[in-house]
């Protein structure tokens, strides 16, 4: 089974069942294999201003996930990708 680093928007769409059936099936498989999220995604998810049931789902999702720190190697790789492709980066103020 392949492993995926799951982004905040993907978690949001998955928890709100916004994906087509094929997308939900792919996410089910990724999550069954223990989801991987970054510490930035964890922060973004915990900052949602939502109802108590959704907040509990998010907390349970994070508890079942491997939360990865951003290492200097990941930062360097992102910089090299950014120099070739136009991608947006999260800005934390």
PDB file of N, CA and C in Angstrom:
ATOM      1  N   UNK A   1       0.836  -1.191   0.000  1.00  0.00           N
ATOM      2  CA  UNK A   1       0.000   0.000   0.000  1.00  0.00           C
ATOM      3  C   UNK A   1       0.873   1.244   0.000  1.00  0.00           C
ATOM      4  N   UNK A   2       0.580   2.158  -0.886  1.00  0.00           N
ATOM      5  CA  UNK A   2       1.291   3.422  -0.922  1.00  0.00           C
ATOM      6  C   UNK A   2       0.899   4.268   0.278  1.00  0.00           C
ATOM      7  N   UNK A   3       1.808   5.150   0.678  1.00  0.00           N
ATOM      8  CA  UNK A   3       1.506   6.083   1.746  1.00  0.00           C
ATOM      9  C   UNK A   3       1.369   7.472   1.143  1.00  0.00           C
ATOM     10  N   UNK A   4       0.485   8.255   1.735  1.00  0.00           N
ATOM     11  CA  UNK A   4       0.214   9.594   1.245  1.00  0.00           C
ATOM     12  C   UNK A   4       0.360  10.598   2.376  1.00  0.00           C
ATOM     13  N   UNK A   5       0.816  11.790   2.040  1.00  0.00           N
ATOM     14  CA  UNK A   5       0.788  12.909   2.960  1.00  0.00           C
ATOM     15  C   UNK A   5      -0.494  13.668   2.634  1.00  0.00           C
ATOM     16  N   UNK A   6      -1.417  13.676   3.564  1.00  0.00           N
ATOM     17  CA  UNK A   6      -2.757  14.200   3.301  1.00  0.00           C
ATOM     18  C   UNK A   6      -2.827  15.666   3.715  1.00  0.00           C
ATOM     19  N   UNK A   7      -3.271  16.496   2.792  1.00  0.00           N
ATOM     20  CA  UNK A   7      -3.379  17.937   2.974  1.00  0.00           C
ATOM     21  C   UNK A   7      -4.670  18.302   3.705  1.00  0.00           C
ATOM     22  N   UNK A   8      -4.685  19.489   4.295  1.00  0.00           N
ATOM     23  CA  UNK A   8      -5.851  19.987   5.038  1.00  0.00           C
ATOM     24  C   UNK A   8      -7.115  19.989   4.186  1.00  0.00           C
ATOM     25  N   UNK A   9      -7.017  20.472   2.951  1.00  0.00           N
ATOM     26  CA  UNK A   9      -8.201  20.535   2.087  1.00  0.00           C
ATOM     27  C   UNK A   9      -8.752  19.146   1.790  1.00  0.00           C
ATOM     28  N   UNK A  10      -7.864  18.172   1.654  1.00  0.00           N
ATOM     29  CA  UNK A  10      -8.296  16.799   1.395  1.00  0.00           C
ATOM     30  C   UNK A  10      -9.035  16.246   2.603  1.00  0.00           C
ATOM     31  N   UNK A  11      -8.512  16.495   3.802  1.00  0.00           N
ATOM     32  CA  UNK A  11      -9.188  16.048   5.027  1.00  0.00           C
ATOM     33  C   UNK A  11     -10.565  16.685   5.118  1.00  0.00           C
ATOM     34  N   UNK A  12     -10.638  17.975   4.833  1.00  0.00           N
ATOM     35  CA  UNK A  12     -11.913  18.695   4.889  1.00  0.00           C
ATOM     36  C   UNK A  12     -12.929  18.098   3.924  1.00  0.00           C
ATOM     37  N   UNK A  13     -12.509  17.882   2.684  1.00  0.00           N
ATOM     38  CA  UNK A  13     -13.420  17.319   1.691  1.00  0.00           C
ATOM     39  C   UNK A  13     -13.823  15.888   2.048  1.00  0.00           C
ATOM     40  N   UNK A  14     -12.886  15.129   2.593  1.00  0.00           N
ATOM     41  CA  UNK A  14     -13.190  13.742   2.973  1.00  0.00           C
ATOM     42  C   UNK A  14     -14.191  13.707   4.134  1.00  0.00           C
ATOM     43  N   UNK A  15     -13.930  14.493   5.177  1.00  0.00           N
ATOM     44  CA  UNK A  15     -14.821  14.476   6.339  1.00  0.00           C
ATOM     45  C   UNK A  15     -16.213  15.022   6.010  1.00  0.00           C
ATOM     46  N   UNK A  16     -16.296  15.879   4.997  1.00  0.00           N
ATOM     47  CA  UNK A  16     -17.612  16.407   4.605  1.00  0.00           C
ATOM     48  C   UNK A  16     -18.229  15.610   3.459  1.00  0.00           C
ATOM     49  N   UNK A  17     -17.581  14.493   3.082  1.00  0.00           N
ATOM     50  CA  UNK A  17     -18.060  13.610   2.006  1.00  0.00           C
ATOM     51  C   UNK A  17     -18.275  14.382   0.695  1.00  0.00           C
ATOM     52  N   UNK A  18     -17.354  15.280   0.379  1.00  0.00           N
ATOM     53  CA  UNK A  18     -17.453  16.091  -0.837  1.00  0.00           C
ATOM     54  C   UNK A  18     -16.823  15.433  -2.058  1.00  0.00           C
ATOM     55  N   UNK A  19     -16.125  14.325  -1.857  1.00  0.00           N
ATOM     56  CA  UNK A  19     -15.480  13.631  -2.964  1.00  0.00           C
ATOM     57  C   UNK A  19     -16.469  12.762  -3.724  1.00  0.00           C
ATOM     58  N   UNK A  20     -16.195  12.498  -5.001  1.00  0.00           N
ATOM     59  CA  UNK A  20     -16.963  11.469  -5.702  1.00  0.00           C
ATOM     60  C   UNK A  20     -16.628  10.110  -5.073  1.00  0.00           C
ATOM     61  N   UNK A  21     -17.407   9.101  -5.392  1.00  0.00           N
ATOM     62  CA  UNK A  21     -17.228   7.783  -4.783  1.00  0.00           C
ATOM     63  C   UNK A  21     -15.811   7.240  -4.945  1.00  0.00           C
ATOM     64  N   UNK A  22     -15.209   7.426  -6.113  1.00  0.00           N
ATOM     65  CA  UNK A  22     -13.842   6.940  -6.330  1.00  0.00           C
ATOM     66  C   UNK A  22     -12.857   7.647  -5.402  1.00  0.00           C
ATOM     67  N   UNK A  23     -13.056   8.921  -5.163  1.00  0.00           N
ATOM     68  CA  UNK A  23     -12.198   9.676  -4.252  1.00  0.00           C
ATOM     69  C   UNK A  23     -12.358   9.226  -2.818  1.00  0.00           C
ATOM     70  N   UNK A  24     -13.584   8.964  -2.428  1.00  0.00           N
ATOM     71  CA  UNK A  24     -13.835   8.465  -1.073  1.00  0.00           C
ATOM     72  C   UNK A  24     -13.193   7.093  -0.892  1.00  0.00           C
ATOM     73  N   UNK A  25     -13.277   6.244  -1.902  1.00  0.00           N
ATOM     74  CA  UNK A  25     -12.659   4.914  -1.822  1.00  0.00           C
ATOM     75  C   UNK A  25     -11.141   5.032  -1.693  1.00  0.00           C
ATOM     76  N   UNK A  26     -10.530   5.929  -2.466  1.00  0.00           N
ATOM     77  CA  UNK A  26      -9.088   6.142  -2.370  1.00  0.00           C
ATOM     78  C   UNK A  26      -8.709   6.624  -0.975  1.00  0.00           C
ATOM     79  N   UNK A  27      -9.468   7.568  -0.450  1.00  0.00           N
ATOM     80  CA  UNK A  27      -9.187   8.088   0.889  1.00  0.00           C
ATOM     81  C   UNK A  27      -9.415   7.026   1.955  1.00  0.00           C
ATOM     82  N   UNK A  28     -10.451   6.221   1.808  1.00  0.00           N
ATOM     83  CA  UNK A  28     -10.679   5.130   2.762  1.00  0.00           C
ATOM     84  C   UNK A  28      -9.450   4.230   2.835  1.00  0.00           C
ATOM     85  N   UNK A  29      -8.887   3.891   1.676  1.00  0.00           N
ATOM     86  CA  UNK A  29      -7.696   3.040   1.638  1.00  0.00           C
ATOM     87  C   UNK A  29      -6.496   3.740   2.273  1.00  0.00           C
ATOM     88  N   UNK A  30      -6.309   5.008   1.984  1.00  0.00           N
ATOM     89  CA  UNK A  30      -5.186   5.764   2.549  1.00  0.00           C
ATOM     90  C   UNK A  30      -5.320   5.872   4.060  1.00  0.00           C
ATOM     91  N   UNK A  31      -6.517   6.089   4.527  1.00  0.00           N
ATOM     92  CA  UNK A  31      -6.742   6.250   5.961  1.00  0.00           C
ATOM     93  C   UNK A  31      -6.656   4.908   6.684  1.00  0.00           C
ATOM     94  N   UNK A  32      -7.114   3.846   6.063  1.00  0.00           N
ATOM     95  CA  UNK A  32      -7.001   2.520   6.673  1.00  0.00           C
ATOM     96  C   UNK A  32      -5.545   2.135   6.884  1.00  0.00           C
ATOM     97  N   UNK A  33      -4.645   2.689   6.084  1.00  0.00           N
ATOM     98  CA  UNK A  33      -3.219   2.390   6.179  1.00  0.00           C
ATOM     99  C   UNK A  33      -2.509   3.366   7.130  1.00  0.00           C
ATOM    100  N   UNK A  34      -3.210   4.070   7.953  1.00  0.00           N
ATOM    101  CA  UNK A  34      -2.751   5.106   8.885  1.00  0.00           C
ATOM    102  C   UNK A  34      -2.371   6.365   8.109  1.00  0.00           C
ATOM    103  N   UNK A  35      -3.205   7.385   8.202  1.00  0.00           N
ATOM    104  CA  UNK A  35      -2.955   8.611   7.448  1.00  0.00           C
ATOM    105  C   UNK A  35      -1.725   9.363   7.955  1.00  0.00           C
ATOM    106  N   UNK A  36      -1.064  10.037   7.057  1.00  0.00           N
ATOM    107  CA  UNK A  36       0.071  10.903   7.371  1.00  0.00           C
ATOM    108  C   UNK A  36      -0.354  12.340   7.112  1.00  0.00           C
ATOM    109  N   UNK A  37      -0.161  13.202   8.110  1.00  0.00           N
ATOM    110  CA  UNK A  37      -0.435  14.625   7.947  1.00  0.00           C
ATOM    111  C   UNK A  37       0.771  15.391   8.481  1.00  0.00           C
ATOM    112  N   UNK A  38       0.932  16.611   8.016  1.00  0.00           N
ATOM    113  CA  UNK A  38       2.020  17.442   8.533  1.00  0.00           C
ATOM    114  C   UNK A  38       1.562  18.146   9.804  1.00  0.00           C
ATOM    115  N   UNK A  39       2.524  18.675  10.542  1.00  0.00           N
ATOM    116  CA  UNK A  39       2.151  19.440  11.731  1.00  0.00           C
ATOM    117  C   UNK A  39       1.404  20.715  11.344  1.00  0.00           C
ATOM    118  N   UNK A  40       1.645  21.237  10.154  1.00  0.00           N
ATOM    119  CA  UNK A  40       0.885  22.404   9.681  1.00  0.00           C
ATOM    120  C   UNK A  40      -0.577  22.020   9.455  1.00  0.00           C
ATOM    121  N   UNK A  41      -0.820  20.859   8.852  1.00  0.00           N
ATOM    122  CA  UNK A  41      -2.193  20.393   8.661  1.00  0.00           C
ATOM    123  C   UNK A  41      -2.878  20.192  10.008  1.00  0.00           C
ATOM    124  N   UNK A  42      -2.167  19.640  10.976  1.00  0.00           N
ATOM    125  CA  UNK A  42      -2.747  19.468  12.311  1.00  0.00           C
ATOM    126  C   UNK A  42      -3.188  20.812  12.883  1.00  0.00           C
ATOM    127  N   UNK A  43      -2.340  21.816  12.780  1.00  0.00           N
ATOM    128  CA  UNK A  43      -2.686  23.151  13.286  1.00  0.00           C
ATOM    129  C   UNK A  43      -3.915  23.688  12.560  1.00  0.00           C
ATOM    130  N   UNK A  44      -3.915  23.594  11.231  1.00  0.00           N
ATOM    131  CA  UNK A  44      -5.048  24.108  10.453  1.00  0.00           C
ATOM    132  C   UNK A  44      -6.353  23.402  10.833  1.00  0.00           C
ATOM    133  N   UNK A  45      -6.294  22.086  10.986  1.00  0.00           N
ATOM    134  CA  UNK A  45      -7.503  21.333  11.336  1.00  0.00           C
ATOM    135  C   UNK A  45      -8.030  21.723  12.712  1.00  0.00           C
ATOM    136  N   UNK A  46      -7.134  21.900  13.671  1.00  0.00           N
ATOM    137  CA  UNK A  46      -7.554  22.234  15.033  1.00  0.00           C
ATOM    138  C   UNK A  46      -8.043  23.672  15.165  1.00  0.00           C
ATOM    139  N   UNK A  47      -7.764  24.497  14.165  1.00  0.00           N
ATOM    140  CA  UNK A  47      -8.218  25.893  14.187  1.00  0.00           C
ATOM    141  C   UNK A  47      -9.592  26.092  13.555  1.00  0.00           C
ATOM    142  N   UNK A  48     -10.178  25.025  13.006  1.00  0.00           N
ATOM    143  CA  UNK A  48     -11.501  25.169  12.400  1.00  0.00           C
ATOM    144  C   UNK A  48     -12.503  25.619  13.442  1.00  0.00           C
ATOM    145  N   UNK A  49     -13.336  26.541  13.057  1.00  0.00           N
ATOM    146  CA  UNK A  49     -14.434  27.002  13.905  1.00  0.00           C
ATOM    147  C   UNK A  49     -15.689  26.270  13.437  1.00  0.00           C
ATOM    148  N   UNK A  50     -15.966  25.131  14.060  1.00  0.00           N
ATOM    149  CA  UNK A  50     -17.043  24.281  13.579  1.00  0.00           C
ATOM    150  C   UNK A  50     -17.829  23.701  14.756  1.00  0.00           C
ATOM    151  N   UNK A  51     -18.818  22.892  14.457  1.00  0.00           N
ATOM    152  CA  UNK A  51     -19.649  22.320  15.508  1.00  0.00           C
ATOM    153  C   UNK A  51     -18.879  21.242  16.286  1.00  0.00           C
ATOM    154  N   UNK A  52     -19.427  20.867  17.431  1.00  0.00           N
ATOM    155  CA  UNK A  52     -18.749  19.936  18.333  1.00  0.00           C
ATOM    156  C   UNK A  52     -18.536  18.551  17.715  1.00  0.00           C
ATOM    157  N   UNK A  53     -19.500  18.057  16.955  1.00  0.00           N
ATOM    158  CA  UNK A  53     -19.369  16.732  16.340  1.00  0.00           C
ATOM    159  C   UNK A  53     -18.233  16.714  15.315  1.00  0.00           C
ATOM    160  N   UNK A  54     -18.143  17.756  14.499  1.00  0.00           N
ATOM    161  CA  UNK A  54     -17.072  17.834  13.513  1.00  0.00           C
ATOM    162  C   UNK A  54     -15.725  17.979  14.203  1.00  0.00           C
ATOM    163  N   UNK A  55     -15.672  18.800  15.250  1.00  0.00           N
ATOM    164  CA  UNK A  55     -14.442  18.958  16.020  1.00  0.00           C
ATOM    165  C   UNK A  55     -13.983  17.616  16.578  1.00  0.00           C
ATOM    166  N   UNK A  56     -14.909  16.830  17.092  1.00  0.00           N
ATOM    167  CA  UNK A  56     -14.557  15.513  17.617  1.00  0.00           C
ATOM    168  C   UNK A  56     -14.043  14.589  16.505  1.00  0.00           C
ATOM    169  N   UNK A  57     -14.681  14.629  15.327  1.00  0.00           N
ATOM    170  CA  UNK A  57     -14.202  13.838  14.180  1.00  0.00           C
ATOM    171  C   UNK A  57     -12.779  14.227  13.797  1.00  0.00           C
ATOM    172  N   UNK A  58     -12.499  15.517  13.823  1.00  0.00           N
ATOM    173  CA  UNK A  58     -11.165  16.011  13.474  1.00  0.00           C
ATOM    174  C   UNK A  58     -10.147  15.535  14.511  1.00  0.00           C
ATOM    175  N   UNK A  59     -10.497  15.641  15.785  1.00  0.00           N
ATOM    176  CA  UNK A  59      -9.593  15.194  16.856  1.00  0.00           C
ATOM    177  C   UNK A  59      -9.304  13.702  16.717  1.00  0.00           C
ATOM    178  N   UNK A  60     -10.321  12.915  16.418  1.00  0.00           N
ATOM    179  CA  UNK A  60     -10.135  11.473  16.235  1.00  0.00           C
ATOM    180  C   UNK A  60      -9.290  11.176  14.998  1.00  0.00           C
ATOM    181  N   UNK A  61      -9.515  11.930  13.925  1.00  0.00           N
ATOM    182  CA  UNK A  61      -8.716  11.759  12.709  1.00  0.00           C
ATOM    183  C   UNK A  61      -7.243  12.023  13.007  1.00  0.00           C
ATOM    184  N   UNK A  62      -6.952  13.116  13.714  1.00  0.00           N
ATOM    185  CA  UNK A  62      -5.569  13.451  14.052  1.00  0.00           C
ATOM    186  C   UNK A  62      -4.968  12.377  14.956  1.00  0.00           C
ATOM    187  N   UNK A  63      -5.735  11.895  15.931  1.00  0.00           N
ATOM    188  CA  UNK A  63      -5.244  10.860  16.848  1.00  0.00           C
ATOM    189  C   UNK A  63      -4.887   9.575  16.113  1.00  0.00           C
ATOM    190  N   UNK A  64      -5.582   9.290  15.019  1.00  0.00           N
ATOM    191  CA  UNK A  64      -5.326   8.086  14.227  1.00  0.00           C
ATOM    192  C   UNK A  64      -4.248   8.297  13.164  1.00  0.00           C
ATOM    193  N   UNK A  65      -3.709   9.507  13.086  1.00  0.00           N
ATOM    194  CA  UNK A  65      -2.740   9.864  12.049  1.00  0.00           C
ATOM    195  C   UNK A  65      -1.324   9.877  12.591  1.00  0.00           C
ATOM    196  N   UNK A  66      -0.388   9.762  11.665  1.00  0.00           N
ATOM    197  CA  UNK A  66       1.009  10.046  11.970  1.00  0.00           C
ATOM    198  C   UNK A  66       1.217  11.508  11.610  1.00  0.00           C
ATOM    199  N   UNK A  67       1.620  12.313  12.594  1.00  0.00           N
ATOM    200  CA  UNK A  67       1.837  13.743  12.362  1.00  0.00           C
ATOM    201  C   UNK A  67       3.333  13.954  12.152  1.00  0.00           C
ATOM    202  N   UNK A  68       3.674  14.441  10.959  1.00  0.00           N
ATOM    203  CA  UNK A  68       5.071  14.609  10.565  1.00  0.00           C
ATOM    204  C   UNK A  68       5.526  16.054  10.736  1.00  0.00           C
ATOM    205  N   UNK A  69       6.700  16.219  11.302  1.00  0.00           N
ATOM    206  CA  UNK A  69       7.316  17.542  11.367  1.00  0.00           C
ATOM    207  C   UNK A  69       7.888  17.899  10.009  1.00  0.00           C
ATOM    208  N   UNK A  70       8.093  19.169   9.803  1.00  0.00           N
ATOM    209  CA  UNK A  70       8.733  19.609   8.567  1.00  0.00           C
ATOM    210  C   UNK A  70      10.226  19.713   8.851  1.00  0.00           C
ATOM    211  N   UNK A  71      10.986  18.881   8.194  1.00  0.00           N
ATOM    212  CA  UNK A  71      12.430  18.834   8.401  1.00  0.00           C
ATOM    213  C   UNK A  71      13.134  19.777   7.429  1.00  0.00           C
ATOM    214  N   UNK A  72      14.387  20.085   7.708  1.00  0.00           N
ATOM    215  CA  UNK A  72      15.159  20.901   6.753  1.00  0.00           C
ATOM    216  C   UNK A  72      15.220  20.277   5.355  1.00  0.00           C
ATOM    217  N   UNK A  73      15.235  18.937   5.283  1.00  0.00           N
ATOM    218  CA  UNK A  73      15.247  18.273   3.972  1.00  0.00           C
ATOM    219  C   UNK A  73      13.953  18.543   3.206  1.00  0.00           C
ATOM    220  N   UNK A  74      12.823  18.517   3.916  1.00  0.00           N
ATOM    221  CA  UNK A  74      11.531  18.789   3.276  1.00  0.00           C
ATOM    222  C   UNK A  74      11.488  20.238   2.810  1.00  0.00           C
ATOM    223  N   UNK A  75      11.986  21.133   3.625  1.00  0.00           N
ATOM    224  CA  UNK A  75      12.015  22.546   3.244  1.00  0.00           C
ATOM    225  C   UNK A  75      12.877  22.743   2.000  1.00  0.00           C
ATOM    226  N   UNK A  76      14.045  22.125   1.973  1.00  0.00           N
ATOM    227  CA  UNK A  76      14.936  22.245   0.808  1.00  0.00           C
ATOM    228  C   UNK A  76      14.277  21.683  -0.446  1.00  0.00           C
ATOM    229  N   UNK A  77      13.581  20.557  -0.306  1.00  0.00           N
ATOM    230  CA  UNK A  77      12.890  19.961  -1.455  1.00  0.00           C
ATOM    231  C   UNK A  77      11.782  20.890  -1.942  1.00  0.00           C
ATOM    232  N   UNK A  78      11.046  21.474  -1.017  1.00  0.00           N
ATOM    233  CA  UNK A  78       9.975  22.411  -1.383  1.00  0.00           C
ATOM    234  C   UNK A  78      10.552  23.612  -2.133  1.00  0.00           C
ATOM    235  N   UNK A  79      11.670  24.129  -1.655  1.00  0.00           N
ATOM    236  CA  UNK A  79      12.305  25.266  -2.314  1.00  0.00           C
ATOM    237  C   UNK A  79      12.710  24.901  -3.740  1.00  0.00           C
ATOM    238  N   UNK A  80      13.287  23.704  -3.910  1.00  0.00           N
ATOM    239  CA  UNK A  80      13.692  23.308  -5.260  1.00  0.00           C
ATOM    240  C   UNK A  80      12.491  23.126  -6.179  1.00  0.00           C
ATOM    241  N   UNK A  81      11.394  22.585  -5.649  1.00  0.00           N
ATOM    242  CA  UNK A  81      10.168  22.462  -6.455  1.00  0.00           C
ATOM    243  C   UNK A  81       9.608  23.840  -6.796  1.00  0.00           C
ATOM    244  N   UNK A  82       9.635  24.734  -5.837  1.00  0.00           N
ATOM    245  CA  UNK A  82       9.063  26.063  -6.028  1.00  0.00           C
ATOM    246  C   UNK A  82       9.825  26.850  -7.080  1.00  0.00           C
ATOM    247  N   UNK A  83      11.108  26.576  -7.224  1.00  0.00           N
ATOM    248  CA  UNK A  83      11.895  27.268  -8.232  1.00  0.00           C
ATOM    249  C   UNK A  83      11.538  26.822  -9.645  1.00  0.00           C
ATOM    250  N   UNK A  84      10.957  25.631  -9.771  1.00  0.00           N
ATOM    251  CA  UNK A  84      10.599  25.079 -11.079  1.00  0.00           C
ATOM    252  C   UNK A  84       9.114  25.265 -11.378  1.00  0.00           C
ATOM    253  N   UNK A  85       8.285  25.137 -10.362  1.00  0.00           N
ATOM    254  CA  UNK A  85       6.833  25.235 -10.544  1.00  0.00           C
ATOM    255  C   UNK A  85       6.275  26.353  -9.673  1.00  0.00           C
ATOM    256  N   UNK A  86       5.199  26.937 -10.139  1.00  0.00           N
ATOM    257  CA  UNK A  86       4.550  27.966  -9.344  1.00  0.00           C
ATOM    258  C   UNK A  86       3.537  27.284  -8.422  1.00  0.00           C
ATOM    259  N   UNK A  87       3.919  27.144  -7.157  1.00  0.00           N
ATOM    260  CA  UNK A  87       3.018  26.575  -6.154  1.00  0.00           C
ATOM    261  C   UNK A  87       2.907  27.535  -5.000  1.00  0.00           C
ATOM    262  N   UNK A  88       1.780  27.528  -4.333  1.00  0.00           N
ATOM    263  CA  UNK A  88       1.574  28.398  -3.181  1.00  0.00           C
ATOM    264  C   UNK A  88       2.112  27.733  -1.942  1.00  0.00           C
ATOM    265  N   UNK A  89       2.566  28.529  -1.025  1.00  0.00           N
ATOM    266  CA  UNK A  89       3.034  28.042   0.260  1.00  0.00           C
ATOM    267  C   UNK A  89       2.166  28.631   1.356  1.00  0.00           C
ATOM    268  N   UNK A  90       2.027  27.894   2.448  1.00  0.00           N
ATOM    269  CA  UNK A  90       1.300  28.384   3.603  1.00  0.00           C
ATOM    270  C   UNK A  90       2.131  29.458   4.295  1.00  0.00           C
ATOM    271  N   UNK A  91       1.505  30.533   4.632  1.00  0.00           N
ATOM    272  CA  UNK A  91       2.191  31.594   5.354  1.00  0.00           C
ATOM    273  C   UNK A  91       1.645  31.625   6.771  1.00  0.00           C
ATOM    274  N   UNK A  92       2.478  31.373   7.751  1.00  0.00           N
ATOM    275  CA  UNK A  92       2.092  31.470   9.152  1.00  0.00           C
ATOM    276  C   UNK A  92       2.597  32.791   9.686  1.00  0.00           C
ATOM    277  N   UNK A  93       1.712  33.597  10.218  1.00  0.00           N
ATOM    278  CA  UNK A  93       2.102  34.895  10.762  1.00  0.00           C
ATOM    279  C   UNK A  93       2.136  34.838  12.261  1.00  0.00           C
TER     280      UNK A  93
END
